[in-house]
Amino acid sequence: MPETESRPHTEQMKSSKTDMCRFLIENLSSTKKSIPLATRIVASAQKGEQRCFGKDVLQLNEYFGTNVNVEGEENIPKTGGAVIVISHATPTTSFPGWGDKHANPFWWAAGLVTAINSRREKETNIRPIAHAPVGTKVDKLWRKVLDVYQGFPVNPLAPKEALRSLDQAAEAAKEGDLIIISPEGETHTQLTSAKRGVARLAKSERPFIPITFTEEQSEEGFSHHVLIGTPIEPPKEANSWSDLPSQKRKVLEQGFADLLMSSIAQLMPEDQRGKYK
């Protein structure tokens, strides 16, 4: 990969690692409890083993004891697959992105998994789609962690590979799995433009569930909220979009991606809605 392409990503990874290390040090009394779980996850990644995303997330939240308020559980389908579309907007872009530094950095996932488990009688495979470049040792380890949870890596510098991952995710949703994706692709302090690749998942013919995570601070401390919105059915003609002329296909895909982001925005505080106010 040319140096001009790799440098921004390398600098971003260095910053992310620094933020994470600082967080772990500053909150050692809490985070040291999660070290055994983190060690097991890395060991599974190195061995090529698979783990349950939901169980690990709930285990992590037990270590931190973070309370999460969940609203809208009834919008999660009791059976069948679905595509969960989430916002990546947080107060800051540093790790973990939240003001409450004593909370589980992945409290939002714990709240989401709790809601899913409350609605579904059988354990459902929860599989993330994640931004996953290649090149550095951190990249390689992250891809192995995604494999542990049967996730789908999306490399922005390899479009064909990214499309294959999205098609595989669509098929998994069609077969009954729950797929999690952020249409924005990266963390920001306000909502940014949806990437039209999320529309590729419409081929699953499964509902899209908009979900947001917000944190509020008062004199009593912080509170954490997961809000689950009304399901959005994909267009019935989505399966034929690939047969259309390129420009028309792009317009339809971007339109659906923006519809998803608008649905997410309606669940968020107005000052975080960005271009979707």
C-alpha atoms as a PDB file:
ATOM      1  CA  MET A   1       0.000   0.000   0.000  1.00  0.00           C
ATOM      2  CA  PRO A   2       1.448   3.420  -0.889  1.00  0.00           C
ATOM      3  CA  GLU A   3       2.800   5.457   1.989  1.00  0.00           C
ATOM      4  CA  THR A   4       0.344   8.284   1.290  1.00  0.00           C
ATOM      5  CA  GLU A   5      -2.544   5.896   1.959  1.00  0.00           C
ATOM      6  CA  SER A   6      -1.122   4.097   4.976  1.00  0.00           C
ATOM      7  CA  ARG A   7       0.081   7.130   6.979  1.00  0.00           C
ATOM      8  CA  PRO A   8      -3.377   8.516   8.008  1.00  0.00           C
ATOM      9  CA  HIS A   9      -4.527   5.080   9.128  1.00  0.00           C
ATOM     10  CA  THR A  10      -1.246   4.452  10.995  1.00  0.00           C
ATOM     11  CA  GLU A  11      -1.525   7.769  12.847  1.00  0.00           C
ATOM     12  CA  GLN A  12      -5.167   7.027  13.691  1.00  0.00           C
ATOM     13  CA  MET A  13      -4.225   3.614  15.087  1.00  0.00           C
ATOM     14  CA  LYS A  14      -1.416   5.139  17.195  1.00  0.00           C
ATOM     15  CA  SER A  15      -3.850   7.681  18.632  1.00  0.00           C
ATOM     16  CA  SER A  16      -6.435   4.987  19.327  1.00  0.00           C
ATOM     17  CA  LYS A  17      -3.887   2.780  21.088  1.00  0.00           C
ATOM     18  CA  THR A  18      -2.717   5.745  23.208  1.00  0.00           C
ATOM     19  CA  ASP A  19      -6.294   6.593  24.201  1.00  0.00           C
ATOM     20  CA  MET A  20      -7.007   2.978  25.117  1.00  0.00           C
ATOM     21  CA  CYS A  21      -3.818   2.615  27.172  1.00  0.00           C
ATOM     22  CA  ARG A  22      -4.585   5.859  29.024  1.00  0.00           C
ATOM     23  CA  PHE A  23      -8.107   4.656  29.761  1.00  0.00           C
ATOM     24  CA  LEU A  24      -6.877   1.312  31.086  1.00  0.00           C
ATOM     25  CA  ILE A  25      -4.294   2.968  33.351  1.00  0.00           C
ATOM     26  CA  GLU A  26      -6.641   5.622  34.704  1.00  0.00           C
ATOM     27  CA  ASN A  27      -9.312   3.033  35.481  1.00  0.00           C
ATOM     28  CA  LEU A  28      -7.069   0.162  36.541  1.00  0.00           C
ATOM     29  CA  SER A  29      -9.167  -0.717  39.593  1.00  0.00           C
ATOM     30  CA  SER A  30     -12.096  -1.542  37.304  1.00  0.00           C
ATOM     31  CA  THR A  31     -10.394  -2.691  34.137  1.00  0.00           C
ATOM     32  CA  LYS A  32      -8.058  -5.168  35.822  1.00  0.00           C
ATOM     33  CA  LYS A  33     -11.117  -7.332  36.466  1.00  0.00           C
ATOM     34  CA  SER A  34     -11.624  -7.679  32.708  1.00  0.00           C
ATOM     35  CA  ILE A  35      -8.053  -8.757  31.952  1.00  0.00           C
ATOM     36  CA  PRO A  36      -8.860 -12.518  32.236  1.00  0.00           C
ATOM     37  CA  LEU A  37     -11.706 -12.135  29.704  1.00  0.00           C
ATOM     38  CA  ALA A  38      -9.529 -10.094  27.344  1.00  0.00           C
ATOM     39  CA  THR A  39      -6.814 -12.727  27.633  1.00  0.00           C
ATOM     40  CA  ARG A  40      -9.272 -15.495  26.752  1.00  0.00           C
ATOM     41  CA  ILE A  41     -10.569 -13.557  23.735  1.00  0.00           C
ATOM     42  CA  VAL A  42      -7.043 -12.982  22.396  1.00  0.00           C
ATOM     43  CA  ALA A  43      -6.180 -16.638  23.009  1.00  0.00           C
ATOM     44  CA  SER A  44      -9.282 -17.712  21.085  1.00  0.00           C
ATOM     45  CA  ALA A  45      -8.309 -15.366  18.253  1.00  0.00           C
ATOM     46  CA  GLN A  46      -4.825 -16.831  18.039  1.00  0.00           C
ATOM     47  CA  LYS A  47      -6.201 -20.388  18.053  1.00  0.00           C
ATOM     48  CA  GLY A  48      -8.946 -19.649  15.529  1.00  0.00           C
ATOM     49  CA  GLU A  49     -11.687 -20.546  18.018  1.00  0.00           C
ATOM     50  CA  GLN A  50     -15.176 -19.058  18.052  1.00  0.00           C
ATOM     51  CA  ARG A  51     -16.864 -17.318  20.966  1.00  0.00           C
ATOM     52  CA  CYS A  52     -20.350 -15.953  21.739  1.00  0.00           C
ATOM     53  CA  PHE A  53     -20.458 -12.175  21.333  1.00  0.00           C
ATOM     54  CA  GLY A  54     -23.467 -11.776  23.618  1.00  0.00           C
ATOM     55  CA  LYS A  55     -22.036 -13.801  26.497  1.00  0.00           C
ATOM     56  CA  ASP A  56     -18.687 -11.995  26.406  1.00  0.00           C
ATOM     57  CA  VAL A  57     -20.315  -8.556  26.336  1.00  0.00           C
ATOM     58  CA  LEU A  58     -22.539  -9.369  29.321  1.00  0.00           C
ATOM     59  CA  GLN A  59     -19.561 -10.837  31.193  1.00  0.00           C
ATOM     60  CA  LEU A  60     -17.627  -7.617  30.631  1.00  0.00           C
ATOM     61  CA  ASN A  61     -20.523  -5.552  31.949  1.00  0.00           C
ATOM     62  CA  GLU A  62     -20.618  -7.664  35.105  1.00  0.00           C
ATOM     63  CA  TYR A  63     -17.030  -6.664  35.796  1.00  0.00           C
ATOM     64  CA  PHE A  64     -17.869  -2.961  35.529  1.00  0.00           C
ATOM     65  CA  GLY A  65     -21.386  -3.084  36.957  1.00  0.00           C
ATOM     66  CA  THR A  66     -22.687  -0.423  34.552  1.00  0.00           C
ATOM     67  CA  ASN A  67     -26.432   0.193  34.645  1.00  0.00           C
ATOM     68  CA  VAL A  68     -28.013   0.607  31.214  1.00  0.00           C
ATOM     69  CA  ASN A  69     -31.577   1.752  30.529  1.00  0.00           C
ATOM     70  CA  VAL A  70     -33.164   0.151  27.469  1.00  0.00           C
ATOM     71  CA  GLU A  71     -36.301   1.336  25.673  1.00  0.00           C
ATOM     72  CA  GLY A  72     -38.035  -0.182  22.659  1.00  0.00           C
ATOM     73  CA  GLU A  73     -37.221  -3.874  23.162  1.00  0.00           C
ATOM     74  CA  GLU A  74     -40.526  -4.691  21.489  1.00  0.00           C
ATOM     75  CA  ASN A  75     -39.045  -3.515  18.173  1.00  0.00           C
ATOM     76  CA  ILE A  76     -36.619  -6.427  18.071  1.00  0.00           C
ATOM     77  CA  PRO A  77     -38.153  -9.339  16.114  1.00  0.00           C
ATOM     78  CA  LYS A  78     -38.739 -12.449  18.214  1.00  0.00           C
ATOM     79  CA  THR A  79     -37.530 -14.731  15.429  1.00  0.00           C
ATOM     80  CA  GLY A  80     -35.589 -14.530  12.192  1.00  0.00           C
ATOM     81  CA  GLY A  81     -32.683 -12.407  11.107  1.00  0.00           C
ATOM     82  CA  ALA A  82     -32.381  -8.634  11.107  1.00  0.00           C
ATOM     83  CA  VAL A  83     -29.881  -5.877  10.429  1.00  0.00           C
ATOM     84  CA  ILE A  84     -29.175  -3.664  13.430  1.00  0.00           C
ATOM     85  CA  VAL A  85     -28.016  -0.204  12.343  1.00  0.00           C
ATOM     86  CA  ILE A  86     -26.317   1.845  15.049  1.00  0.00           C
ATOM     87  CA  SER A  87     -24.942   5.332  15.454  1.00  0.00           C
ATOM     88  CA  HIS A  88     -21.218   5.845  16.026  1.00  0.00           C
ATOM     89  CA  ALA A  89     -21.726   9.361  17.401  1.00  0.00           C
ATOM     90  CA  THR A  90     -20.177   9.829  20.865  1.00  0.00           C
ATOM     91  CA  PRO A  91     -19.179  12.947  22.845  1.00  0.00           C
ATOM     92  CA  THR A  92     -15.533  12.465  21.827  1.00  0.00           C
ATOM     93  CA  THR A  93     -13.747  10.399  19.206  1.00  0.00           C
ATOM     94  CA  SER A  94     -11.175   9.073  21.694  1.00  0.00           C
ATOM     95  CA  PHE A  95     -11.531   5.713  23.413  1.00  0.00           C
ATOM     96  CA  PRO A  96     -14.062   4.930  24.800  1.00  0.00           C
ATOM     97  CA  GLY A  97     -15.851   8.064  23.606  1.00  0.00           C
ATOM     98  CA  TRP A  98     -18.047   8.551  26.696  1.00  0.00           C
ATOM     99  CA  GLY A  99     -17.807  10.990  29.572  1.00  0.00           C
ATOM    100  CA  ASP A 100     -18.262   8.321  32.246  1.00  0.00           C
ATOM    101  CA  LYS A 101     -14.771   6.848  32.375  1.00  0.00           C
ATOM    102  CA  HIS A 102     -15.786   4.386  35.083  1.00  0.00           C
ATOM    103  CA  ALA A 103     -18.419   2.721  32.900  1.00  0.00           C
ATOM    104  CA  ASN A 104     -17.925  -0.344  30.778  1.00  0.00           C
ATOM    105  CA  PRO A 105     -16.562   1.130  27.518  1.00  0.00           C
ATOM    106  CA  PHE A 106     -18.905  -1.262  25.685  1.00  0.00           C
ATOM    107  CA  TRP A 107     -21.952  -0.623  27.880  1.00  0.00           C
ATOM    108  CA  TRP A 108     -24.030   0.079  24.764  1.00  0.00           C
ATOM    109  CA  ALA A 109     -23.416  -3.453  23.494  1.00  0.00           C
ATOM    110  CA  ALA A 110     -24.371  -4.918  26.870  1.00  0.00           C
ATOM    111  CA  GLY A 111     -27.663  -3.022  26.799  1.00  0.00           C
ATOM    112  CA  LEU A 112     -28.352  -4.156  23.252  1.00  0.00           C
ATOM    113  CA  VAL A 113     -27.597  -7.822  24.000  1.00  0.00           C
ATOM    114  CA  THR A 114     -29.802  -7.678  27.117  1.00  0.00           C
ATOM    115  CA  ALA A 115     -32.684  -6.395  24.988  1.00  0.00           C
ATOM    116  CA  ILE A 116     -32.147  -9.085  22.361  1.00  0.00           C
ATOM    117  CA  ASN A 117     -32.063 -11.853  24.965  1.00  0.00           C
ATOM    118  CA  SER A 118     -35.271 -10.562  26.550  1.00  0.00           C
ATOM    119  CA  ARG A 119     -37.116 -10.886  23.238  1.00  0.00           C
ATOM    120  CA  ARG A 120     -35.855 -14.133  21.784  1.00  0.00           C
ATOM    121  CA  GLU A 121     -36.398 -17.583  23.250  1.00  0.00           C
ATOM    122  CA  LYS A 122     -33.389 -19.080  21.487  1.00  0.00           C
ATOM    123  CA  GLU A 123     -29.870 -17.698  21.529  1.00  0.00           C
ATOM    124  CA  THR A 124     -29.239 -15.784  18.311  1.00  0.00           C
ATOM    125  CA  ASN A 125     -25.913 -15.392  16.591  1.00  0.00           C
ATOM    126  CA  ILE A 126     -24.921 -11.696  16.760  1.00  0.00           C
ATOM    127  CA  ARG A 127     -22.357 -10.853  14.096  1.00  0.00           C
ATOM    128  CA  PRO A 128     -20.684  -7.454  13.645  1.00  0.00           C
ATOM    129  CA  ILE A 129     -19.614  -5.749  10.439  1.00  0.00           C
ATOM    130  CA  ALA A 130     -16.513  -3.718  11.212  1.00  0.00           C
ATOM    131  CA  HIS A 131     -14.021  -1.380   9.577  1.00  0.00           C
ATOM    132  CA  ALA A 132     -10.957  -3.610   9.247  1.00  0.00           C
ATOM    133  CA  PRO A 133      -7.978  -2.488   7.131  1.00  0.00           C
ATOM    134  CA  VAL A 134      -4.918  -4.676   6.783  1.00  0.00           C
ATOM    135  CA  GLY A 135      -1.219  -4.044   7.209  1.00  0.00           C
ATOM    136  CA  THR A 136      -0.295  -3.497  10.852  1.00  0.00           C
ATOM    137  CA  LYS A 137      -0.084  -6.098  13.624  1.00  0.00           C
ATOM    138  CA  VAL A 138      -3.066  -4.428  15.291  1.00  0.00           C
ATOM    139  CA  ASP A 139      -5.053  -4.818  12.060  1.00  0.00           C
ATOM    140  CA  LYS A 140      -4.233  -8.519  11.904  1.00  0.00           C
ATOM    141  CA  LEU A 141      -5.205  -9.112  15.534  1.00  0.00           C
ATOM    142  CA  TRP A 142      -8.466  -7.176  15.055  1.00  0.00           C
ATOM    143  CA  ARG A 143      -9.351  -9.344  12.063  1.00  0.00           C
ATOM    144  CA  LYS A 144      -8.733 -12.453  14.150  1.00  0.00           C
ATOM    145  CA  VAL A 145     -11.027 -11.083  16.859  1.00  0.00           C
ATOM    146  CA  LEU A 146     -13.706 -10.512  14.215  1.00  0.00           C
ATOM    147  CA  ASP A 147     -13.265 -14.144  13.169  1.00  0.00           C
ATOM    148  CA  VAL A 148     -13.796 -15.190  16.806  1.00  0.00           C
ATOM    149  CA  TYR A 149     -17.278 -13.627  16.632  1.00  0.00           C
ATOM    150  CA  GLN A 150     -17.919 -14.642  13.002  1.00  0.00           C
ATOM    151  CA  GLY A 151     -17.824 -10.980  12.031  1.00  0.00           C
ATOM    152  CA  PHE A 152     -17.466  -9.434   8.598  1.00  0.00           C
ATOM    153  CA  PRO A 153     -14.361  -7.263   7.934  1.00  0.00           C
ATOM    154  CA  VAL A 154     -14.710  -4.297   5.591  1.00  0.00           C
ATOM    155  CA  ASN A 155     -11.428  -2.999   4.214  1.00  0.00           C
ATOM    156  CA  PRO A 156     -11.981   0.482   2.706  1.00  0.00           C
ATOM    157  CA  LEU A 157      -8.910   0.013   0.489  1.00  0.00           C
ATOM    158  CA  ALA A 158     -10.233  -3.234  -1.012  1.00  0.00           C
ATOM    159  CA  PRO A 159     -13.739  -2.502  -2.419  1.00  0.00           C
ATOM    160  CA  LYS A 160     -14.308  -5.939  -3.945  1.00  0.00           C
ATOM    161  CA  GLU A 161     -13.431  -7.680  -0.690  1.00  0.00           C
ATOM    162  CA  ALA A 162     -15.699  -5.276   1.199  1.00  0.00           C
ATOM    163  CA  LEU A 163     -18.625  -6.042  -1.113  1.00  0.00           C
ATOM    164  CA  ARG A 164     -18.090  -9.782  -0.610  1.00  0.00           C
ATOM    165  CA  SER A 165     -18.231  -9.289   3.161  1.00  0.00           C
ATOM    166  CA  LEU A 166     -21.464  -7.309   2.869  1.00  0.00           C
ATOM    167  CA  ASP A 167     -23.015  -9.959   0.624  1.00  0.00           C
ATOM    168  CA  GLN A 168     -22.031 -12.665   3.117  1.00  0.00           C
ATOM    169  CA  ALA A 169     -23.560 -10.623   5.931  1.00  0.00           C
ATOM    170  CA  ALA A 170     -26.797 -10.220   3.958  1.00  0.00           C
ATOM    171  CA  GLU A 171     -26.976 -13.966   3.473  1.00  0.00           C
ATOM    172  CA  ALA A 172     -26.354 -14.552   7.197  1.00  0.00           C
ATOM    173  CA  ALA A 173     -29.218 -12.201   8.099  1.00  0.00           C
ATOM    174  CA  LYS A 174     -31.440 -14.031   5.632  1.00  0.00           C
ATOM    175  CA  GLU A 175     -30.613 -17.285   7.405  1.00  0.00           C
ATOM    176  CA  GLY A 176     -31.535 -15.924  10.835  1.00  0.00           C
ATOM    177  CA  ASP A 177     -28.505 -14.128  12.292  1.00  0.00           C
ATOM    178  CA  LEU A 178     -28.523 -10.608  13.719  1.00  0.00           C
ATOM    179  CA  ILE A 179     -26.063  -8.352  11.905  1.00  0.00           C
ATOM    180  CA  ILE A 180     -24.727  -5.138  13.472  1.00  0.00           C
ATOM    181  CA  ILE A 181     -23.369  -2.282  11.364  1.00  0.00           C
ATOM    182  CA  SER A 182     -22.822   1.465  11.626  1.00  0.00           C
ATOM    183  CA  PRO A 183     -23.800   3.140   8.327  1.00  0.00           C
ATOM    184  CA  GLU A 184     -21.256   5.903   9.075  1.00  0.00           C
ATOM    185  CA  GLY A 185     -18.366   3.476   9.324  1.00  0.00           C
ATOM    186  CA  GLU A 186     -16.313   5.478  11.836  1.00  0.00           C
ATOM    187  CA  THR A 187     -16.722   7.320  15.129  1.00  0.00           C
ATOM    188  CA  HIS A 188     -17.692  11.013  15.127  1.00  0.00           C
ATOM    189  CA  THR A 189     -19.154  13.484  17.619  1.00  0.00           C
ATOM    190  CA  GLN A 190     -22.185  14.042  15.358  1.00  0.00           C
ATOM    191  CA  LEU A 191     -23.912  11.947  12.720  1.00  0.00           C
ATOM    192  CA  THR A 192     -22.151  12.014   9.370  1.00  0.00           C
ATOM    193  CA  SER A 193     -23.131  10.836   5.904  1.00  0.00           C
ATOM    194  CA  ALA A 194     -24.124   7.213   5.584  1.00  0.00           C
ATOM    195  CA  LYS A 195     -21.966   5.060   3.364  1.00  0.00           C
ATOM    196  CA  ARG A 196     -24.163   3.519   0.703  1.00  0.00           C
ATOM    197  CA  GLY A 197     -22.603   0.077   1.243  1.00  0.00           C
ATOM    198  CA  VAL A 198     -25.101  -0.516   4.047  1.00  0.00           C
ATOM    199  CA  ALA A 199     -27.834  -0.656   1.388  1.00  0.00           C
ATOM    200  CA  ARG A 200     -26.193  -3.833   0.087  1.00  0.00           C
ATOM    201  CA  LEU A 201     -27.704  -5.583   3.120  1.00  0.00           C
ATOM    202  CA  ALA A 202     -31.206  -4.872   1.825  1.00  0.00           C
ATOM    203  CA  LYS A 203     -30.792  -8.041  -0.260  1.00  0.00           C
ATOM    204  CA  SER A 204     -31.314  -9.973   2.969  1.00  0.00           C
ATOM    205  CA  GLU A 205     -35.021  -9.049   2.782  1.00  0.00           C
ATOM    206  CA  ARG A 206     -34.882  -8.687   6.568  1.00  0.00           C
ATOM    207  CA  PRO A 207     -35.899  -5.651   8.659  1.00  0.00           C
ATOM    208  CA  PHE A 208     -33.408  -2.952   9.648  1.00  0.00           C
ATOM    209  CA  ILE A 209     -33.561  -1.931  13.314  1.00  0.00           C
ATOM    210  CA  PRO A 210     -32.273   1.607  14.118  1.00  0.00           C
ATOM    211  CA  ILE A 211     -30.636   1.862  17.540  1.00  0.00           C
ATOM    212  CA  THR A 212     -28.938   4.731  19.362  1.00  0.00           C
ATOM    213  CA  PHE A 213     -26.860   5.046  22.530  1.00  0.00           C
ATOM    214  CA  THR A 214     -26.806   8.191  24.661  1.00  0.00           C
ATOM    215  CA  GLU A 215     -25.195   9.193  27.920  1.00  0.00           C
ATOM    216  CA  GLU A 216     -26.578  11.846  30.273  1.00  0.00           C
ATOM    217  CA  GLN A 217     -24.884  13.536  33.215  1.00  0.00           C
ATOM    218  CA  SER A 218     -26.634  15.027  36.243  1.00  0.00           C
ATOM    219  CA  GLU A 219     -25.790  15.838  39.855  1.00  0.00           C
ATOM    220  CA  GLU A 220     -26.362  12.179  40.675  1.00  0.00           C
ATOM    221  CA  GLY A 221     -23.845  11.043  38.052  1.00  0.00           C
ATOM    222  CA  PHE A 222     -24.094   9.462  34.621  1.00  0.00           C
ATOM    223  CA  SER A 223     -26.952   7.501  33.096  1.00  0.00           C
ATOM    224  CA  HIS A 224     -26.711   5.310  29.996  1.00  0.00           C
ATOM    225  CA  HIS A 225     -29.512   4.735  27.514  1.00  0.00           C
ATOM    226  CA  VAL A 226     -30.153   2.381  24.600  1.00  0.00           C
ATOM    227  CA  LEU A 227     -33.108   3.383  22.419  1.00  0.00           C
ATOM    228  CA  ILE A 228     -34.455   0.922  19.854  1.00  0.00           C
ATOM    229  CA  GLY A 229     -36.512   2.353  17.015  1.00  0.00           C
ATOM    230  CA  THR A 230     -39.243   1.044  14.733  1.00  0.00           C
ATOM    231  CA  PRO A 231     -38.092  -1.578  12.178  1.00  0.00           C
ATOM    232  CA  ILE A 232     -37.626  -0.460   8.581  1.00  0.00           C
ATOM    233  CA  GLU A 233     -38.462  -2.930   5.831  1.00  0.00           C
ATOM    234  CA  PRO A 234     -36.027  -2.909   2.879  1.00  0.00           C
ATOM    235  CA  PRO A 235     -37.366  -2.049  -0.598  1.00  0.00           C
ATOM    236  CA  LYS A 236     -38.736  -5.125  -2.353  1.00  0.00           C
ATOM    237  CA  GLU A 237     -36.821  -4.203  -5.519  1.00  0.00           C
ATOM    238  CA  ALA A 238     -33.442  -4.126  -3.683  1.00  0.00           C
ATOM    239  CA  ASN A 239     -32.463  -7.510  -5.134  1.00  0.00           C
ATOM    240  CA  SER A 240     -32.565  -6.047  -8.646  1.00  0.00           C
ATOM    241  CA  TRP A 241     -30.525  -2.915  -7.890  1.00  0.00           C
ATOM    242  CA  SER A 242     -27.341  -4.608  -9.065  1.00  0.00           C
ATOM    243  CA  ASP A 243     -28.875  -4.967 -12.547  1.00  0.00           C
ATOM    244  CA  LEU A 244     -29.432  -1.229 -12.918  1.00  0.00           C
ATOM    245  CA  PRO A 245     -27.077   1.280 -14.560  1.00  0.00           C
ATOM    246  CA  SER A 246     -24.350   2.326 -12.135  1.00  0.00           C
ATOM    247  CA  GLN A 247     -25.541   5.874 -11.520  1.00  0.00           C
ATOM    248  CA  LYS A 248     -29.150   4.900 -10.872  1.00  0.00           C
ATOM    249  CA  ARG A 249     -28.044   2.080  -8.545  1.00  0.00           C
ATOM    250  CA  LYS A 250     -25.853   4.475  -6.553  1.00  0.00           C
ATOM    251  CA  VAL A 251     -28.722   6.952  -6.159  1.00  0.00           C
ATOM    252  CA  LEU A 252     -31.097   4.259  -4.867  1.00  0.00           C
ATOM    253  CA  GLU A 253     -28.494   2.796  -2.496  1.00  0.00           C
ATOM    254  CA  GLN A 254     -27.557   6.199  -1.082  1.00  0.00           C
ATOM    255  CA  GLY A 255     -31.216   7.088  -0.686  1.00  0.00           C
ATOM    256  CA  PHE A 256     -31.878   3.988   1.407  1.00  0.00           C
ATOM    257  CA  ALA A 257     -28.686   4.511   3.435  1.00  0.00           C
ATOM    258  CA  ASP A 258     -29.782   8.090   4.190  1.00  0.00           C
ATOM    259  CA  LEU A 259     -33.236   6.838   5.182  1.00  0.00           C
ATOM    260  CA  LEU A 260     -31.606   4.557   7.753  1.00  0.00           C
ATOM    261  CA  MET A 261     -29.482   7.387   9.124  1.00  0.00           C
ATOM    262  CA  SER A 262     -32.505   9.680   9.326  1.00  0.00           C
ATOM    263  CA  SER A 263     -34.294   7.021  11.394  1.00  0.00           C
ATOM    264  CA  ILE A 264     -31.292   6.831  13.714  1.00  0.00           C
ATOM    265  CA  ALA A 265     -31.153  10.631  13.959  1.00  0.00           C
ATOM    266  CA  GLN A 266     -34.764  10.851  15.148  1.00  0.00           C
ATOM    267  CA  LEU A 267     -33.781   8.781  18.191  1.00  0.00           C
ATOM    268  CA  MET A 268     -30.837  11.013  19.115  1.00  0.00           C
ATOM    269  CA  PRO A 269     -30.468  14.362  20.914  1.00  0.00           C
ATOM    270  CA  GLU A 270     -30.809  17.151  18.366  1.00  0.00           C
ATOM    271  CA  ASP A 271     -27.268  18.441  18.924  1.00  0.00           C
ATOM    272  CA  GLN A 272     -25.850  15.076  17.780  1.00  0.00           C
ATOM    273  CA  ARG A 273     -27.918  14.662  14.610  1.00  0.00           C
ATOM    274  CA  GLY A 274     -25.383  16.419  12.386  1.00  0.00           C
ATOM    275  CA  LYS A 275     -26.478  16.613   8.749  1.00  0.00           C
ATOM    276  CA  TYR A 276     -29.619  14.611   9.560  1.00  0.00           C
ATOM    277  CA  LYS A 277     -31.231  17.280  11.784  1.00  0.00           C
END
